[in-house]
Protein backbone atom coordinates (compact mmCIF):
# COMPACT_ATOMS: atom_id res chain seq x y z
CA UNK A 1 15.48 -126.49 -21.79
CA UNK A 2 18.83 -125.24 -23.62
CA UNK A 3 19.01 -127.03 -26.78
CA UNK A 4 23.11 -127.35 -27.53
CA UNK A 5 23.85 -127.56 -31.06
CA UNK A 6 27.65 -127.81 -30.61
CA UNK A 7 30.50 -125.53 -30.73
CA UNK A 8 33.72 -123.76 -32.59
CA UNK A 9 36.80 -125.16 -31.58
CA UNK A 10 40.10 -123.46 -32.32
CA UNK A 11 43.28 -125.40 -32.57
CA UNK A 12 46.82 -125.36 -34.33
CA UNK A 13 46.02 -128.58 -36.65
CA UNK A 14 42.05 -128.26 -37.51
CA UNK A 15 42.35 -131.78 -39.45
CA UNK A 16 44.31 -133.58 -37.28
CA UNK A 17 42.35 -132.57 -34.03
CA UNK A 18 38.99 -133.40 -35.72
CA UNK A 19 40.18 -137.16 -37.17
CA UNK A 20 41.56 -137.43 -33.14
CA UNK A 21 38.74 -136.86 -31.28
CA UNK A 22 36.66 -138.99 -34.05
CA UNK A 23 38.91 -141.95 -33.62
CA UNK A 24 37.44 -141.75 -29.83
CA UNK A 25 33.98 -141.59 -31.00
CA UNK A 26 31.37 -144.00 -32.04
CA UNK A 27 31.49 -144.34 -35.85
CA UNK A 28 27.82 -144.96 -35.84
CA UNK A 29 26.57 -141.68 -34.15
CA UNK A 30 29.65 -139.66 -35.38
CA UNK A 31 30.11 -138.15 -38.74
CA UNK A 32 33.52 -136.49 -39.78
CA UNK A 33 33.84 -133.99 -42.80
CA UNK A 34 37.81 -132.78 -43.39
CA UNK A 35 38.95 -130.59 -46.30
CA UNK A 36 42.20 -128.24 -47.13
CA UNK A 37 38.80 -126.17 -48.12
CA UNK A 38 35.42 -126.53 -47.54
CA UNK A 39 33.61 -126.30 -50.66
CA UNK A 40 29.95 -125.93 -51.26
CA UNK A 41 29.54 -129.50 -52.32
CA UNK A 42 30.92 -130.93 -49.06
CA UNK A 43 28.77 -127.82 -47.24
CA UNK A 44 25.90 -129.58 -49.01
CA UNK A 45 26.87 -133.10 -48.31
CA UNK A 46 27.21 -131.98 -44.47
CA UNK A 47 23.55 -130.75 -45.01
CA UNK A 48 22.10 -134.25 -46.23
CA UNK A 49 23.90 -135.86 -43.29
CA UNK A 50 22.64 -134.12 -40.63
CA UNK A 51 18.78 -134.63 -41.77
CA UNK A 52 19.57 -138.27 -41.78
CA UNK A 53 17.68 -139.74 -38.55
CA UNK A 54 19.73 -141.35 -35.46
CA UNK A 55 18.30 -143.26 -32.56
CA UNK A 56 21.06 -141.44 -30.76
CA UNK A 57 22.63 -138.08 -30.53
CA UNK A 58 24.87 -137.20 -33.86
CA UNK A 59 28.17 -135.57 -33.74
CA UNK A 60 29.11 -133.87 -36.86
CA UNK A 61 32.73 -132.92 -37.20
CA UNK A 62 33.54 -130.68 -39.29
CA UNK A 63 37.30 -129.75 -39.90
CA UNK A 64 39.10 -127.50 -42.36
CA UNK A 65 42.40 -125.22 -43.40
CA UNK A 66 39.92 -122.86 -44.97
CA UNK A 67 36.41 -122.10 -45.22
CA UNK A 68 34.92 -121.13 -48.89
CA UNK A 69 32.29 -117.92 -48.27
CA UNK A 70 29.38 -119.96 -50.09
CA UNK A 71 29.73 -123.17 -48.58
CA UNK A 72 29.48 -121.26 -44.76
CA UNK A 73 26.37 -119.35 -46.15
CA UNK A 74 25.16 -122.97 -47.33
CA UNK A 75 25.42 -124.25 -43.51
CA UNK A 76 23.55 -121.40 -41.90
CA UNK A 77 20.24 -122.31 -41.71
CA UNK A 78 21.21 -126.08 -40.54
CA UNK A 79 23.37 -124.27 -37.99
CA UNK A 80 20.49 -121.86 -37.08
CA UNK A 81 18.16 -124.14 -36.79
CA UNK A 82 19.50 -127.87 -36.21
CA UNK A 83 18.00 -131.19 -37.10
CA UNK A 84 16.80 -132.86 -33.52
CA UNK A 85 19.87 -134.51 -31.64
CA UNK A 86 22.49 -133.25 -33.97
CA UNK A 87 25.47 -131.57 -32.86
CA UNK A 88 28.15 -129.83 -34.83
CA UNK A 89 31.66 -129.05 -33.91
CA UNK A 90 33.53 -126.95 -36.32
CA UNK A 91 37.71 -127.02 -35.90
CA UNK A 92 39.56 -123.74 -37.12
CA UNK A 93 42.89 -122.24 -37.27
CA UNK A 94 41.58 -118.71 -36.60
CA UNK A 95 38.07 -117.44 -35.65
CA UNK A 96 38.57 -114.71 -38.85
CA UNK A 97 38.39 -118.06 -41.25
CA UNK A 98 34.76 -118.27 -40.29
CA UNK A 99 32.00 -116.00 -40.97
CA UNK A 100 30.31 -114.11 -38.29
CA UNK A 101 27.20 -115.47 -38.96
CA UNK A 102 28.80 -118.76 -37.96
CA UNK A 103 30.53 -117.19 -34.63
CA UNK A 104 27.28 -116.16 -33.64
CA UNK A 105 25.47 -119.32 -33.37
CA UNK A 106 28.06 -121.14 -32.35
CA UNK A 107 30.30 -120.67 -28.91
CA UNK A 108 34.42 -120.71 -28.96
CA UNK A 109 36.39 -122.80 -27.27
CA UNK A 110 39.73 -121.67 -27.56
CA UNK A 111 42.35 -124.34 -27.64
CA UNK A 112 45.30 -122.67 -29.93
CA UNK A 113 48.45 -123.17 -28.58
CA UNK A 114 50.87 -120.15 -29.37
CA UNK A 115 53.81 -120.65 -31.78
CA UNK A 116 56.37 -118.79 -32.94
CA UNK A 117 55.85 -117.35 -36.89
CA UNK A 118 58.37 -118.24 -38.93
CA UNK A 119 60.12 -115.67 -41.16
CA UNK A 120 59.10 -114.81 -44.29
CA UNK A 121 60.45 -116.95 -47.05
CA UNK A 122 62.22 -113.72 -48.66
CA UNK A 123 65.13 -111.72 -46.85
CA UNK A 124 63.86 -108.34 -46.09
CA UNK A 125 67.69 -107.15 -46.14
CA UNK A 126 68.22 -108.42 -49.62
CA UNK A 127 65.06 -107.78 -51.13
CA UNK A 128 64.75 -106.12 -54.53
CA UNK A 129 62.37 -106.49 -57.73
CA UNK A 130 64.17 -109.08 -59.29
CA UNK A 131 63.49 -110.84 -55.89
CA UNK A 132 60.22 -110.17 -55.78
CA UNK A 133 59.25 -110.85 -59.31
CA UNK A 134 60.47 -114.24 -58.96
CA UNK A 135 58.85 -115.27 -55.74
CA UNK A 136 55.42 -114.08 -57.75
CA UNK A 137 55.86 -116.15 -60.61
CA UNK A 138 56.73 -119.14 -58.11
CA UNK A 139 53.37 -118.40 -56.78
CA UNK A 140 51.32 -116.88 -59.48
CA UNK A 141 49.11 -120.51 -60.11
CA UNK A 142 48.54 -120.68 -55.69
CA UNK A 143 45.26 -120.60 -54.79
CA UNK A 144 43.60 -121.59 -51.42
CA UNK A 145 47.32 -121.53 -49.72
CA UNK A 146 46.30 -122.92 -46.15
CA UNK A 147 49.49 -121.08 -44.76
CA UNK A 148 48.82 -117.89 -46.83
CA UNK A 149 47.55 -115.73 -43.45
CA UNK A 150 50.55 -116.76 -41.82
CA UNK A 151 53.33 -115.89 -44.36
CA UNK A 152 51.07 -112.18 -44.34
CA UNK A 153 51.57 -111.90 -40.97
CA UNK A 154 55.51 -113.13 -41.09
CA UNK A 155 56.02 -110.64 -43.67
CA UNK A 156 54.63 -107.60 -41.50
CA UNK A 157 56.67 -108.93 -38.42
CA UNK A 158 59.83 -109.17 -40.20
CA UNK A 159 59.41 -105.77 -41.76
CA UNK A 160 58.61 -104.42 -38.49
CA UNK A 161 61.96 -106.56 -37.14
CA UNK A 162 63.75 -104.92 -40.06
CA UNK A 163 63.03 -100.99 -39.09
CA UNK A 164 60.16 -100.65 -41.48
CA UNK A 165 57.79 -98.12 -40.33
CA UNK A 166 54.17 -97.87 -41.80
CA UNK A 167 51.19 -95.39 -41.58
CA UNK A 168 47.74 -96.31 -40.18
CA UNK A 169 46.87 -96.92 -43.49
CA UNK A 170 49.76 -99.17 -44.85
CA UNK A 171 49.48 -101.32 -41.65
CA UNK A 172 45.48 -101.60 -42.29
CA UNK A 173 46.47 -103.10 -45.71
CA UNK A 174 48.21 -105.98 -44.39
CA UNK A 175 45.00 -106.30 -42.26
CA UNK A 176 42.89 -106.60 -45.49
CA UNK A 177 45.11 -108.92 -46.82
CA UNK A 178 44.26 -111.17 -44.31
CA UNK A 179 40.87 -111.66 -45.90
CA UNK A 180 41.77 -111.12 -49.86
CA UNK A 181 42.11 -114.83 -50.43
CA UNK A 182 37.87 -115.44 -49.39
CA UNK A 183 37.30 -113.28 -52.69
CA UNK A 184 39.58 -115.43 -54.82
CA UNK A 185 42.57 -113.51 -54.95
CA UNK A 186 45.61 -115.80 -56.35
CA UNK A 187 48.53 -115.63 -53.84
CA UNK A 188 50.70 -113.88 -55.87
CA UNK A 189 48.49 -111.00 -56.50
CA UNK A 190 48.20 -110.26 -52.93
CA UNK A 191 51.78 -110.67 -52.36
CA UNK A 192 52.33 -108.12 -55.30
CA UNK A 193 50.71 -105.91 -53.38
CA UNK A 194 52.20 -106.45 -50.17
CA UNK A 195 55.92 -106.97 -51.49
CA UNK A 196 55.72 -103.77 -53.44
CA UNK A 197 54.67 -102.12 -50.41
CA UNK A 198 57.64 -103.26 -48.22
CA UNK A 199 60.24 -102.57 -51.37
CA UNK A 200 58.90 -98.84 -51.91
CA UNK A 201 59.34 -98.69 -47.54
CA UNK A 202 62.73 -99.66 -48.02
CA UNK A 203 63.29 -97.44 -50.47
CA UNK A 204 61.96 -94.63 -48.15
CA UNK A 205 64.12 -95.56 -45.24
CA UNK A 206 67.57 -95.62 -47.81
CA UNK A 207 66.78 -92.19 -48.85
CA UNK A 208 66.17 -90.57 -45.04
CA UNK A 209 69.56 -92.63 -44.35
CA UNK A 210 71.42 -90.86 -47.40
CA UNK A 211 69.69 -87.54 -46.20
CA UNK A 212 71.12 -88.06 -42.69
């Protein structure tokens, strides 16, 4: 007999979706853990809760906008060998927010509704070094921005639409940037790399136009 341990749900708004589901369940056997970033303390609370005996099947709902790597590693054992009668449902915006070891333990259900990405906060047409400096100063104390990945994607797409052409190596920098926050890089450091790259490509494009 297959033992059901739960699943991962990909949704546009993890916290809202988890709360909506929780509202329809019996609070006696459903526990909800929500956070902007799932940290190690919350992970320990989840583990403690999972070992509290229940007469009926207990659901543990976990929803966050970002997931701390240490917290995920802490949850691995309880997801691999869950207490009897405990089901885990993890809500996330993207599967890339979760470690491969987490994803391998639970089936993934995709409920993402495709949404058009907003434009990057800075205009590529007027982007210059001064504007980049002001933008980075505004973001220098920012960590765990729940919209960071969307902003990185928006910057890349806006750059392509503007007419900039990236090499495979340069495009890979944008891909790597999606995971830099998990390594505790600040938002300003991440965008310093990307925006200076975009400025350099703009300069190269301008020089090619002049020669033409």
